[in-house]
């Protein structure tokens, strides 16, 4: 069967369309799984940390002393930082998912970056949130020790991902 508008057979056009659609798919099943995992993880992170932000807004609106008193400034700052970092890292997971098929990362590097990014998305906000639960004389609680290594790990994983876009194949 021949398409009258061109000399190419219809079957050839459908093969070209299917190969074009295949090129939009992630190159391997591992990549497809990582994409799905980070899309779900990113959206759930945004959902959880946005809900936390609404709880913090409600605490502010209801003028709750444990949150608004001058003596609770450390708690307020730590909770706000936990909420903001968690929400932002949810978006970073989405960006990773959407850009993964364009990065030139090996399977091992992609798997390690995926694990590290998900770990940072949990540990960095958790350090702020738990550090704000109990604080001492204006200093956050012990759980704040999670923040510096998580931040360093975030920089490393972002460098690995950025390198995947800079690498020549």
Protein backbone atom coordinates (compact mmCIF):
# COMPACT_ATOMS: atom_id res chain seq x y z
CA UNK A 1 0.00 0.00 0.00
CA UNK A 2 1.40 3.38 -1.01
CA UNK A 3 0.57 6.76 0.45
CA UNK A 4 -0.44 9.04 -2.45
CA UNK A 5 1.22 12.17 -0.93
CA UNK A 6 4.68 10.62 -1.03
CA UNK A 7 6.53 7.74 -2.54
CA UNK A 8 7.19 6.06 0.81
CA UNK A 9 5.07 3.02 1.63
CA UNK A 10 2.73 3.37 4.62
CA UNK A 11 4.49 0.50 6.39
CA UNK A 12 7.79 2.38 6.19
CA UNK A 13 6.18 5.48 7.68
CA UNK A 14 4.73 3.47 10.57
CA UNK A 15 8.15 1.88 11.22
CA UNK A 16 9.71 5.34 11.29
CA UNK A 17 7.00 6.55 13.68
CA UNK A 18 7.51 3.57 15.98
CA UNK A 19 11.30 4.03 15.98
CA UNK A 20 10.78 7.72 16.78
CA UNK A 21 8.47 6.78 19.65
CA UNK A 22 11.03 4.24 20.84
CA UNK A 23 13.70 6.95 20.87
CA UNK A 24 11.58 8.92 23.34
CA UNK A 25 11.54 5.98 25.72
CA UNK A 26 14.34 5.45 28.21
CA UNK A 27 17.11 3.39 26.61
CA UNK A 28 16.88 0.41 28.96
CA UNK A 29 14.54 -1.22 31.43
CA UNK A 30 16.83 -0.10 34.28
CA UNK A 31 16.46 3.51 33.15
CA UNK A 32 12.69 3.08 32.84
CA UNK A 33 12.56 1.73 36.39
CA UNK A 34 14.71 4.61 37.71
CA UNK A 35 12.52 7.13 35.92
CA UNK A 36 9.36 5.63 37.39
CA UNK A 37 10.93 5.41 40.86
CA UNK A 38 12.03 9.05 40.86
CA UNK A 39 8.75 10.31 39.44
CA UNK A 40 6.86 8.54 42.25
CA UNK A 41 9.43 9.52 44.90
CA UNK A 42 9.51 13.13 43.74
CA UNK A 43 5.74 13.53 43.70
CA UNK A 44 5.36 11.86 47.10
CA UNK A 45 8.11 14.06 48.54
CA UNK A 46 6.39 17.18 47.25
CA UNK A 47 3.08 15.95 48.67
CA UNK A 48 4.47 15.14 52.13
CA UNK A 49 6.57 18.28 52.51
CA UNK A 50 3.83 20.54 51.15
CA UNK A 51 1.44 19.03 53.69
CA UNK A 52 4.05 19.69 56.38
CA UNK A 53 4.23 23.29 55.17
CA UNK A 54 0.45 23.59 55.53
CA UNK A 55 0.68 22.24 59.08
CA UNK A 56 3.35 24.84 59.86
CA UNK A 57 1.15 27.56 58.35
CA UNK A 58 -1.74 26.36 60.51
CA UNK A 59 0.47 26.46 63.61
CA UNK A 60 1.43 30.00 62.68
CA UNK A 61 -2.18 30.98 61.97
CA UNK A 62 -3.41 29.56 65.27
CA UNK A 63 -0.60 31.39 67.09
CA UNK A 64 0.63 28.22 68.78
CA UNK A 65 3.22 29.12 71.40
CA UNK A 66 5.41 26.04 70.91
CA UNK A 67 5.93 27.27 67.35
CA UNK A 68 5.72 31.08 67.55
CA UNK A 69 7.19 32.04 70.93
CA UNK A 70 10.48 33.92 70.79
CA UNK A 71 12.08 31.01 72.61
CA UNK A 72 10.96 28.71 69.74
CA UNK A 73 12.75 30.61 66.97
CA UNK A 74 15.20 27.71 66.52
CA UNK A 75 12.33 25.25 66.15
CA UNK A 76 10.53 27.50 63.68
CA UNK A 77 13.66 27.96 61.56
CA UNK A 78 14.55 24.24 61.63
CA UNK A 79 11.00 23.17 60.68
CA UNK A 80 10.87 25.76 57.90
CA UNK A 81 14.24 24.59 56.55
CA UNK A 82 13.13 20.94 56.69
CA UNK A 83 9.92 21.73 54.81
CA UNK A 84 11.66 23.87 52.18
CA UNK A 85 14.54 21.45 51.57
CA UNK A 86 12.20 18.46 51.34
CA UNK A 87 9.95 20.18 48.83
CA UNK A 88 12.88 21.37 46.73
CA UNK A 89 14.48 17.92 46.76
CA UNK A 90 11.18 16.47 45.54
CA UNK A 91 11.52 18.71 42.50
CA UNK A 92 15.17 17.63 42.10
CA UNK A 93 13.96 14.00 41.96
CA UNK A 94 11.49 14.96 39.22
CA UNK A 95 14.22 16.77 37.31
CA UNK A 96 16.44 13.69 37.60
CA UNK A 97 13.63 11.48 36.32
CA UNK A 98 12.86 13.74 33.36
CA UNK A 99 16.50 14.18 32.39
CA UNK A 100 17.80 10.66 33.03
CA UNK A 101 17.34 9.44 29.47
CA UNK A 102 19.42 12.36 28.18
CA UNK A 103 22.32 11.86 30.60
CA UNK A 104 25.27 9.74 29.64
CA UNK A 105 25.45 7.79 32.86
CA UNK A 106 26.34 4.12 33.04
CA UNK A 107 23.93 1.78 34.77
CA UNK A 108 26.03 1.65 37.94
CA UNK A 109 26.51 5.43 38.08
CA UNK A 110 22.78 5.99 37.49
CA UNK A 111 21.85 3.47 40.20
CA UNK A 112 24.27 5.06 42.69
CA UNK A 113 23.05 8.57 41.86
CA UNK A 114 19.47 7.38 42.26
CA UNK A 115 20.11 5.83 45.66
CA UNK A 116 22.11 8.84 46.89
CA UNK A 117 19.48 11.32 45.70
CA UNK A 118 16.69 9.43 47.43
CA UNK A 119 18.78 9.13 50.62
CA UNK A 120 19.49 12.87 50.61
CA UNK A 121 15.80 13.62 50.03
CA UNK A 122 15.01 11.80 53.27
CA UNK A 123 18.05 12.58 55.45
CA UNK A 124 18.54 16.31 54.81
CA UNK A 125 15.00 17.40 55.75
CA UNK A 126 14.90 14.83 58.54
CA UNK A 127 18.02 16.36 60.08
CA UNK A 128 16.38 19.78 60.15
CA UNK A 129 13.01 18.49 61.37
CA UNK A 130 14.37 16.31 64.16
CA UNK A 131 16.90 19.00 65.08
CA UNK A 132 13.97 21.34 65.68
CA UNK A 133 11.95 18.97 67.85
CA UNK A 134 14.31 19.29 70.83
CA UNK A 135 16.75 22.16 70.96
CA UNK A 136 19.07 23.56 73.60
CA UNK A 137 19.58 27.26 74.30
CA UNK A 138 18.99 28.26 70.71
CA UNK A 139 21.00 25.38 69.22
CA UNK A 140 19.21 22.63 67.30
CA UNK A 141 19.06 19.10 68.63
CA UNK A 142 21.56 16.34 67.92
CA UNK A 143 19.80 15.16 64.72
CA UNK A 144 21.13 18.25 62.97
CA UNK A 145 24.34 16.22 62.46
CA UNK A 146 22.53 14.60 59.51
CA UNK A 147 22.55 17.87 57.58
CA UNK A 148 26.25 18.45 56.71
CA UNK A 149 26.98 14.95 55.36
CA UNK A 150 23.65 14.96 53.51
CA UNK A 151 24.48 18.32 51.97
CA UNK A 152 27.91 17.06 50.92
CA UNK A 153 26.34 13.93 49.42
CA UNK A 154 23.89 16.14 47.53
CA UNK A 155 26.74 18.13 45.99
CA UNK A 156 28.48 14.89 44.97
CA UNK A 157 25.37 13.38 43.39
CA UNK A 158 24.59 16.61 41.54
CA UNK A 159 28.17 16.66 40.22
CA UNK A 160 27.81 13.05 39.03
CA UNK A 161 24.56 13.89 37.25
CA UNK A 162 26.01 17.09 35.73
CA UNK A 163 29.03 15.13 34.56
CA UNK A 164 26.67 12.76 32.78
CA UNK A 165 25.54 15.67 30.64
CA UNK A 166 29.06 16.91 30.01
CA UNK A 167 30.50 13.53 29.02
CA UNK A 168 31.05 12.74 25.36
CA UNK A 169 30.09 9.35 24.11
